[in-house]
Amino acid sequence: MSQEKPADHHEEGIEIPYDQINPETLRNMIQEFVSRDGADWGDDGCTLEDKVKQVLRQLRNKKVKVVFDLKSETANIVVCR
């Protein structure tokens, strides 16, 4: 009987410290993140800049992190567990 690993459906990636990302690149990444279809920001009247500041605050407070997915070769912002 072979000892296969169970299928892992989690992102295979590495955390990238947000403070090591070029500030303009990070801002662009956050803007793309907050403006995605399906993003649950509600209709609270927040501007794009308000949303960017909120995500930056969450990064500083370690509530979210930037992860580079090795399979898709893309970066994403994910909730810390």
PDB file of N, CA and C in Angstrom:
ATOM      1  N   MET A   1       0.848  -1.164   0.000  1.00  0.00           N
ATOM      2  CA  MET A   1       0.000   0.000   0.000  1.00  0.00           C
ATOM      3  C   MET A   1       0.898   1.233   0.000  1.00  0.00           C
ATOM      4  N   SER A   2       0.651   2.150  -0.930  1.00  0.00           N
ATOM      5  CA  SER A   2       1.480   3.351  -1.011  1.00  0.00           C
ATOM      6  C   SER A   2       1.031   4.379   0.022  1.00  0.00           C
ATOM      7  N   GLN A   3       1.951   5.193   0.411  1.00  0.00           N
ATOM      8  CA  GLN A   3       1.640   6.228   1.396  1.00  0.00           C
ATOM      9  C   GLN A   3       1.564   7.575   0.689  1.00  0.00           C
ATOM     10  N   GLU A   4       0.441   7.806   0.021  1.00  0.00           N
ATOM     11  CA  GLU A   4       0.262   9.066  -0.674  1.00  0.00           C
ATOM     12  C   GLU A   4      -0.174  10.133   0.308  1.00  0.00           C
ATOM     13  N   LYS A   5       0.293  11.329   0.044  1.00  0.00           N
ATOM     14  CA  LYS A   5      -0.145  12.458   0.854  1.00  0.00           C
ATOM     15  C   LYS A   5      -1.581  12.792   0.486  1.00  0.00           C
ATOM     16  N   PRO A   6      -2.382  13.198   1.456  1.00  0.00           N
ATOM     17  CA  PRO A   6      -3.726  13.630   1.113  1.00  0.00           C
ATOM     18  C   PRO A   6      -3.660  14.887   0.244  1.00  0.00           C
ATOM     19  N   ALA A   7      -4.656  15.038  -0.606  1.00  0.00           N
ATOM     20  CA  ALA A   7      -4.701  16.213  -1.472  1.00  0.00           C
ATOM     21  C   ALA A   7      -4.753  17.474  -0.618  1.00  0.00           C
ATOM     22  N   ASP A   8      -3.894  18.416  -0.945  1.00  0.00           N
ATOM     23  CA  ASP A   8      -3.855  19.678  -0.212  1.00  0.00           C
ATOM     24  C   ASP A   8      -4.433  20.759  -1.108  1.00  0.00           C
ATOM     25  N   HIS A   9      -5.548  21.302  -0.698  1.00  0.00           N
ATOM     26  CA  HIS A   9      -6.226  22.297  -1.514  1.00  0.00           C
ATOM     27  C   HIS A   9      -5.926  23.716  -1.056  1.00  0.00           C
ATOM     28  N   HIS A  10      -4.957  23.878  -0.161  1.00  0.00           N
ATOM     29  CA  HIS A  10      -4.585  25.201   0.308  1.00  0.00           C
ATOM     30  C   HIS A  10      -3.591  25.810  -0.672  1.00  0.00           C
ATOM     31  N   GLU A  11      -3.481  27.136  -0.621  1.00  0.00           N
ATOM     32  CA  GLU A  11      -2.476  27.791  -1.442  1.00  0.00           C
ATOM     33  C   GLU A  11      -1.103  27.298  -1.025  1.00  0.00           C
ATOM     34  N   GLU A  12      -0.272  26.999  -2.016  1.00  0.00           N
ATOM     35  CA  GLU A  12       1.114  26.656  -1.737  1.00  0.00           C
ATOM     36  C   GLU A  12       1.907  27.918  -1.980  1.00  0.00           C
ATOM     37  N   GLY A  13       2.203  28.622  -0.926  1.00  0.00           N
ATOM     38  CA  GLY A  13       2.877  29.885  -1.139  1.00  0.00           C
ATOM     39  C   GLY A  13       3.732  30.291   0.025  1.00  0.00           C
ATOM     40  N   ILE A  14       4.357  31.428  -0.175  1.00  0.00           N
ATOM     41  CA  ILE A  14       5.210  31.971   0.865  1.00  0.00           C
ATOM     42  C   ILE A  14       4.741  33.384   1.203  1.00  0.00           C
ATOM     43  N   GLU A  15       4.848  33.720   2.467  1.00  0.00           N
ATOM     44  CA  GLU A  15       4.471  35.057   2.901  1.00  0.00           C
ATOM     45  C   GLU A  15       5.556  36.044   2.494  1.00  0.00           C
ATOM     46  N   ILE A  16       5.118  37.161   1.954  1.00  0.00           N
ATOM     47  CA  ILE A  16       6.033  38.233   1.581  1.00  0.00           C
ATOM     48  C   ILE A  16       5.791  39.395   2.547  1.00  0.00           C
ATOM     49  N   PRO A  17       6.788  39.781   3.332  1.00  0.00           N
ATOM     50  CA  PRO A  17       6.591  40.912   4.246  1.00  0.00           C
ATOM     51  C   PRO A  17       6.191  42.157   3.448  1.00  0.00           C
ATOM     52  N   TYR A  18       5.045  42.728   3.791  1.00  0.00           N
ATOM     53  CA  TYR A  18       4.515  43.850   3.016  1.00  0.00           C
ATOM     54  C   TYR A  18       5.469  45.038   3.001  1.00  0.00           C
ATOM     55  N   ASP A  19       6.266  45.193   4.059  1.00  0.00           N
ATOM     56  CA  ASP A  19       7.175  46.336   4.118  1.00  0.00           C
ATOM     57  C   ASP A  19       8.410  46.149   3.235  1.00  0.00           C
ATOM     58  N   GLN A  20       8.535  44.974   2.594  1.00  0.00           N
ATOM     59  CA  GLN A  20       9.629  44.739   1.658  1.00  0.00           C
ATOM     60  C   GLN A  20       9.158  44.861   0.208  1.00  0.00           C
ATOM     61  N   ILE A  21       7.876  45.195   0.025  1.00  0.00           N
ATOM     62  CA  ILE A  21       7.314  45.381  -1.313  1.00  0.00           C
ATOM     63  C   ILE A  21       7.382  46.865  -1.642  1.00  0.00           C
ATOM     64  N   ASN A  22       7.772  47.182  -2.861  1.00  0.00           N
ATOM     65  CA  ASN A  22       7.796  48.566  -3.311  1.00  0.00           C
ATOM     66  C   ASN A  22       6.456  49.215  -2.984  1.00  0.00           C
ATOM     67  N   PRO A  23       6.446  50.387  -2.331  1.00  0.00           N
ATOM     68  CA  PRO A  23       5.188  51.015  -1.900  1.00  0.00           C
ATOM     69  C   PRO A  23       4.167  51.207  -3.025  1.00  0.00           C
ATOM     70  N   GLU A  24       4.627  51.583  -4.210  1.00  0.00           N
ATOM     71  CA  GLU A  24       3.700  51.762  -5.333  1.00  0.00           C
ATOM     72  C   GLU A  24       3.109  50.421  -5.764  1.00  0.00           C
ATOM     73  N   THR A  25       3.935  49.391  -5.787  1.00  0.00           N
ATOM     74  CA  THR A  25       3.460  48.049  -6.130  1.00  0.00           C
ATOM     75  C   THR A  25       2.448  47.565  -5.103  1.00  0.00           C
ATOM     76  N   LEU A  26       2.742  47.777  -3.828  1.00  0.00           N
ATOM     77  CA  LEU A  26       1.827  47.365  -2.763  1.00  0.00           C
ATOM     78  C   LEU A  26       0.497  48.093  -2.897  1.00  0.00           C
ATOM     79  N   ARG A  27       0.534  49.400  -3.147  1.00  0.00           N
ATOM     80  CA  ARG A  27      -0.698  50.185  -3.303  1.00  0.00           C
ATOM     81  C   ARG A  27      -1.516  49.653  -4.482  1.00  0.00           C
ATOM     82  N   ASN A  28      -0.848  49.359  -5.603  1.00  0.00           N
ATOM     83  CA  ASN A  28      -1.551  48.813  -6.770  1.00  0.00           C
ATOM     84  C   ASN A  28      -2.177  47.461  -6.446  1.00  0.00           C
ATOM     85  N   MET A  29      -1.446  46.635  -5.707  1.00  0.00           N
ATOM     86  CA  MET A  29      -1.951  45.322  -5.318  1.00  0.00           C
ATOM     87  C   MET A  29      -3.193  45.469  -4.436  1.00  0.00           C
ATOM     88  N   ILE A  30      -3.134  46.384  -3.487  1.00  0.00           N
ATOM     89  CA  ILE A  30      -4.269  46.596  -2.585  1.00  0.00           C
ATOM     90  C   ILE A  30      -5.460  47.158  -3.356  1.00  0.00           C
ATOM     91  N   GLN A  31      -5.215  48.102  -4.268  1.00  0.00           N
ATOM     92  CA  GLN A  31      -6.311  48.662  -5.063  1.00  0.00           C
ATOM     93  C   GLN A  31      -6.995  47.572  -5.881  1.00  0.00           C
ATOM     94  N   GLU A  32      -6.207  46.688  -6.469  1.00  0.00           N
ATOM     95  CA  GLU A  32      -6.790  45.579  -7.236  1.00  0.00           C
ATOM     96  C   GLU A  32      -7.589  44.672  -6.307  1.00  0.00           C
ATOM     97  N   PHE A  33      -7.057  44.410  -5.130  1.00  0.00           N
ATOM     98  CA  PHE A  33      -7.710  43.534  -4.159  1.00  0.00           C
ATOM     99  C   PHE A  33      -9.065  44.091  -3.725  1.00  0.00           C
ATOM    100  N   VAL A  34      -9.122  45.371  -3.386  1.00  0.00           N
ATOM    101  CA  VAL A  34     -10.369  45.938  -2.867  1.00  0.00           C
ATOM    102  C   VAL A  34     -11.398  46.209  -3.956  1.00  0.00           C
ATOM    103  N   SER A  35     -10.969  46.218  -5.216  1.00  0.00           N
ATOM    104  CA  SER A  35     -11.916  46.505  -6.294  1.00  0.00           C
ATOM    105  C   SER A  35     -12.352  45.255  -7.057  1.00  0.00           C
ATOM    106  N   ARG A  36     -11.969  44.086  -6.584  1.00  0.00           N
ATOM    107  CA  ARG A  36     -12.365  42.836  -7.244  1.00  0.00           C
ATOM    108  C   ARG A  36     -13.870  42.635  -7.205  1.00  0.00           C
ATOM    109  N   ASP A  37     -14.379  41.989  -8.242  1.00  0.00           N
ATOM    110  CA  ASP A  37     -15.785  41.574  -8.222  1.00  0.00           C
ATOM    111  C   ASP A  37     -15.968  40.616  -7.064  1.00  0.00           C
ATOM    112  N   GLY A  38     -17.038  40.793  -6.335  1.00  0.00           N
ATOM    113  CA  GLY A  38     -17.330  39.904  -5.219  1.00  0.00           C
ATOM    114  C   GLY A  38     -16.713  40.346  -3.906  1.00  0.00           C
ATOM    115  N   ALA A  39     -15.926  41.420  -3.933  1.00  0.00           N
ATOM    116  CA  ALA A  39     -15.357  41.917  -2.677  1.00  0.00           C
ATOM    117  C   ALA A  39     -16.499  42.403  -1.792  1.00  0.00           C
ATOM    118  N   ASP A  40     -16.484  41.989  -0.542  1.00  0.00           N
ATOM    119  CA  ASP A  40     -17.586  42.293   0.371  1.00  0.00           C
ATOM    120  C   ASP A  40     -17.278  43.550   1.186  1.00  0.00           C
ATOM    121  N   TRP A  41     -17.414  44.704   0.553  1.00  0.00           N
ATOM    122  CA  TRP A  41     -17.193  45.968   1.246  1.00  0.00           C
ATOM    123  C   TRP A  41     -18.513  46.627   1.597  1.00  0.00           C
ATOM    124  N   GLY A  42     -19.607  46.022   1.123  1.00  0.00           N
ATOM    125  CA  GLY A  42     -20.916  46.612   1.395  1.00  0.00           C
ATOM    126  C   GLY A  42     -21.044  47.945   0.679  1.00  0.00           C
ATOM    127  N   ASP A  43     -22.132  48.608   0.905  1.00  0.00           N
ATOM    128  CA  ASP A  43     -22.349  49.915   0.293  1.00  0.00           C
ATOM    129  C   ASP A  43     -22.214  50.972   1.376  1.00  0.00           C
ATOM    130  N   ASP A  44     -21.023  51.032   1.963  1.00  0.00           N
ATOM    131  CA  ASP A  44     -20.817  51.934   3.094  1.00  0.00           C
ATOM    132  C   ASP A  44     -20.299  53.306   2.679  1.00  0.00           C
ATOM    133  N   GLY A  45     -20.175  53.541   1.389  1.00  0.00           N
ATOM    134  CA  GLY A  45     -19.738  54.844   0.913  1.00  0.00           C
ATOM    135  C   GLY A  45     -18.249  55.091   1.044  1.00  0.00           C
ATOM    136  N   CYS A  46     -17.473  54.061   1.331  1.00  0.00           N
ATOM    137  CA  CYS A  46     -16.022  54.214   1.443  1.00  0.00           C
ATOM    138  C   CYS A  46     -15.429  54.490   0.064  1.00  0.00           C
ATOM    139  N   THR A  47     -14.470  55.387   0.034  1.00  0.00           N
ATOM    140  CA  THR A  47     -13.747  55.643  -1.207  1.00  0.00           C
ATOM    141  C   THR A  47     -12.680  54.559  -1.391  1.00  0.00           C
ATOM    142  N   LEU A  48     -12.125  54.500  -2.588  1.00  0.00           N
ATOM    143  CA  LEU A  48     -11.042  53.555  -2.847  1.00  0.00           C
ATOM    144  C   LEU A  48      -9.886  53.825  -1.884  1.00  0.00           C
ATOM    145  N   GLU A  49      -9.582  55.092  -1.663  1.00  0.00           N
ATOM    146  CA  GLU A  49      -8.487  55.449  -0.749  1.00  0.00           C
ATOM    147  C   GLU A  49      -8.769  54.980   0.676  1.00  0.00           C
ATOM    148  N   ASP A  50     -10.034  55.095   1.123  1.00  0.00           N
ATOM    149  CA  ASP A  50     -10.411  54.606   2.456  1.00  0.00           C
ATOM    150  C   ASP A  50     -10.158  53.106   2.563  1.00  0.00           C
ATOM    151  N   LYS A  51     -10.519  52.378   1.515  1.00  0.00           N
ATOM    152  CA  LYS A  51     -10.350  50.921   1.516  1.00  0.00           C
ATOM    153  C   LYS A  51      -8.869  50.551   1.529  1.00  0.00           C
ATOM    154  N   VAL A  52      -8.064  51.279   0.753  1.00  0.00           N
ATOM    155  CA  VAL A  52      -6.620  51.027   0.725  1.00  0.00           C
ATOM    156  C   VAL A  52      -6.027  51.253   2.115  1.00  0.00           C
ATOM    157  N   LYS A  53      -6.407  52.352   2.756  1.00  0.00           N
ATOM    158  CA  LYS A  53      -5.906  52.641   4.105  1.00  0.00           C
ATOM    159  C   LYS A  53      -6.319  51.557   5.096  1.00  0.00           C
ATOM    160  N   GLN A  54      -7.542  51.052   4.943  1.00  0.00           N
ATOM    161  CA  GLN A  54      -8.023  49.995   5.839  1.00  0.00           C
ATOM    162  C   GLN A  54      -7.179  48.730   5.682  1.00  0.00           C
ATOM    163  N   VAL A  55      -6.869  48.350   4.445  1.00  0.00           N
ATOM    164  CA  VAL A  55      -6.054  47.149   4.220  1.00  0.00           C
ATOM    165  C   VAL A  55      -4.628  47.378   4.720  1.00  0.00           C
ATOM    166  N   LEU A  56      -4.073  48.558   4.500  1.00  0.00           N
ATOM    167  CA  LEU A  56      -2.736  48.859   5.029  1.00  0.00           C
ATOM    168  C   LEU A  56      -2.710  48.732   6.548  1.00  0.00           C
ATOM    169  N   ARG A  57      -3.753  49.210   7.197  1.00  0.00           N
ATOM    170  CA  ARG A  57      -3.863  49.090   8.658  1.00  0.00           C
ATOM    171  C   ARG A  57      -3.920  47.615   9.055  1.00  0.00           C
ATOM    172  N   GLN A  58      -4.679  46.814   8.305  1.00  0.00           N
ATOM    173  CA  GLN A  58      -4.776  45.380   8.600  1.00  0.00           C
ATOM    174  C   GLN A  58      -3.437  44.689   8.397  1.00  0.00           C
ATOM    175  N   LEU A  59      -2.661  45.114   7.399  1.00  0.00           N
ATOM    176  CA  LEU A  59      -1.320  44.555   7.200  1.00  0.00           C
ATOM    177  C   LEU A  59      -0.421  44.896   8.388  1.00  0.00           C
ATOM    178  N   ARG A  60      -0.437  46.149   8.821  1.00  0.00           N
ATOM    179  CA  ARG A  60       0.385  46.568   9.968  1.00  0.00           C
ATOM    180  C   ARG A  60      -0.003  45.828  11.239  1.00  0.00           C
ATOM    181  N   ASN A  61      -1.298  45.561  11.397  1.00  0.00           N
ATOM    182  CA  ASN A  61      -1.800  44.874  12.596  1.00  0.00           C
ATOM    183  C   ASN A  61      -1.777  43.352  12.467  1.00  0.00           C
ATOM    184  N   LYS A  62      -1.208  42.851  11.364  1.00  0.00           N
ATOM    185  CA  LYS A  62      -1.063  41.410  11.117  1.00  0.00           C
ATOM    186  C   LYS A  62      -2.401  40.665  11.084  1.00  0.00           C
ATOM    187  N   LYS A  63      -3.432  41.347  10.598  1.00  0.00           N
ATOM    188  CA  LYS A  63      -4.735  40.701  10.420  1.00  0.00           C
ATOM    189  C   LYS A  63      -4.829  40.078   9.030  1.00  0.00           C
ATOM    190  N   VAL A  64      -4.070  40.630   8.075  1.00  0.00           N
ATOM    191  CA  VAL A  64      -3.950  40.076   6.729  1.00  0.00           C
ATOM    192  C   VAL A  64      -2.473  40.048   6.369  1.00  0.00           C
ATOM    193  N   LYS A  65      -2.145  39.288   5.333  1.00  0.00           N
ATOM    194  CA  LYS A  65      -0.755  39.194   4.891  1.00  0.00           C
ATOM    195  C   LYS A  65      -0.720  39.021   3.381  1.00  0.00           C
ATOM    196  N   VAL A  66       0.436  39.293   2.796  1.00  0.00           N
ATOM    197  CA  VAL A  66       0.650  39.098   1.368  1.00  0.00           C
ATOM    198  C   VAL A  66       1.293  37.733   1.185  1.00  0.00           C
ATOM    199  N   VAL A  67       0.695  36.921   0.316  1.00  0.00           N
ATOM    200  CA  VAL A  67       1.204  35.579   0.045  1.00  0.00           C
ATOM    201  C   VAL A  67       1.445  35.441  -1.453  1.00  0.00           C
ATOM    202  N   PHE A  68       2.618  34.921  -1.815  1.00  0.00           N
ATOM    203  CA  PHE A  68       2.921  34.619  -3.211  1.00  0.00           C
ATOM    204  C   PHE A  68       2.644  33.146  -3.422  1.00  0.00           C
ATOM    205  N   ASP A  69       1.683  32.852  -4.308  1.00  0.00           N
ATOM    206  CA  ASP A  69       1.297  31.474  -4.603  1.00  0.00           C
ATOM    207  C   ASP A  69       2.270  30.898  -5.627  1.00  0.00           C
ATOM    208  N   LEU A  70       2.959  29.833  -5.250  1.00  0.00           N
ATOM    209  CA  LEU A  70       3.982  29.243  -6.105  1.00  0.00           C
ATOM    210  C   LEU A  70       3.402  28.562  -7.340  1.00  0.00           C
ATOM    211  N   LYS A  71       2.194  28.025  -7.231  1.00  0.00           N
ATOM    212  CA  LYS A  71       1.583  27.333  -8.373  1.00  0.00           C
ATOM    213  C   LYS A  71       1.126  28.310  -9.446  1.00  0.00           C
ATOM    214  N   SER A  72       0.391  29.348  -9.025  1.00  0.00           N
ATOM    215  CA  SER A  72      -0.152  30.294 -10.002  1.00  0.00           C
ATOM    216  C   SER A  72       0.795  31.463 -10.277  1.00  0.00           C
ATOM    217  N   GLU A  73       1.856  31.563  -9.471  1.00  0.00           N
ATOM    218  CA  GLU A  73       2.829  32.645  -9.584  1.00  0.00           C
ATOM    219  C   GLU A  73       2.152  34.011  -9.488  1.00  0.00           C
ATOM    220  N   THR A  74       1.239  34.125  -8.515  1.00  0.00           N
ATOM    221  CA  THR A  74       0.537  35.379  -8.265  1.00  0.00           C
ATOM    222  C   THR A  74       0.609  35.707  -6.781  1.00  0.00           C
ATOM    223  N   ALA A  75       0.474  36.984  -6.486  1.00  0.00           N
ATOM    224  CA  ALA A  75       0.437  37.430  -5.095  1.00  0.00           C
ATOM    225  C   ALA A  75      -1.006  37.720  -4.720  1.00  0.00           C
ATOM    226  N   ASN A  76      -1.333  37.489  -3.459  1.00  0.00           N
ATOM    227  CA  ASN A  76      -2.684  37.726  -2.977  1.00  0.00           C
ATOM    228  C   ASN A  76      -2.611  38.219  -1.537  1.00  0.00           C
ATOM    229  N   ILE A  77      -3.659  38.888  -1.121  1.00  0.00           N
ATOM    230  CA  ILE A  77      -3.788  39.327   0.267  1.00  0.00           C
ATOM    231  C   ILE A  77      -4.775  38.387   0.929  1.00  0.00           C
ATOM    232  N   VAL A  78      -4.347  37.752   2.010  1.00  0.00           N
ATOM    233  CA  VAL A  78      -5.181  36.754   2.677  1.00  0.00           C
ATOM    234  C   VAL A  78      -5.275  37.054   4.167  1.00  0.00           C
ATOM    235  N   VAL A  79      -6.343  36.568   4.773  1.00  0.00           N
ATOM    236  CA  VAL A  79      -6.560  36.734   6.209  1.00  0.00           C
ATOM    237  C   VAL A  79      -5.588  35.838   6.966  1.00  0.00           C
ATOM    238  N   CYS A  80      -4.977  36.375   8.014  1.00  0.00           N
ATOM    239  CA  CYS A  80      -4.091  35.573   8.868  1.00  0.00           C
ATOM    240  C   CYS A  80      -4.933  34.631   9.716  1.00  0.00           C
ATOM    241  N   ARG A  81      -4.411  33.448   9.945  1.00  0.00           N
ATOM    242  CA  ARG A  81      -5.115  32.456  10.772  1.00  0.00           C
ATOM    243  C   ARG A  81      -4.370  32.244  12.054  1.00  0.00           C
TER     244      ARG A  81
END
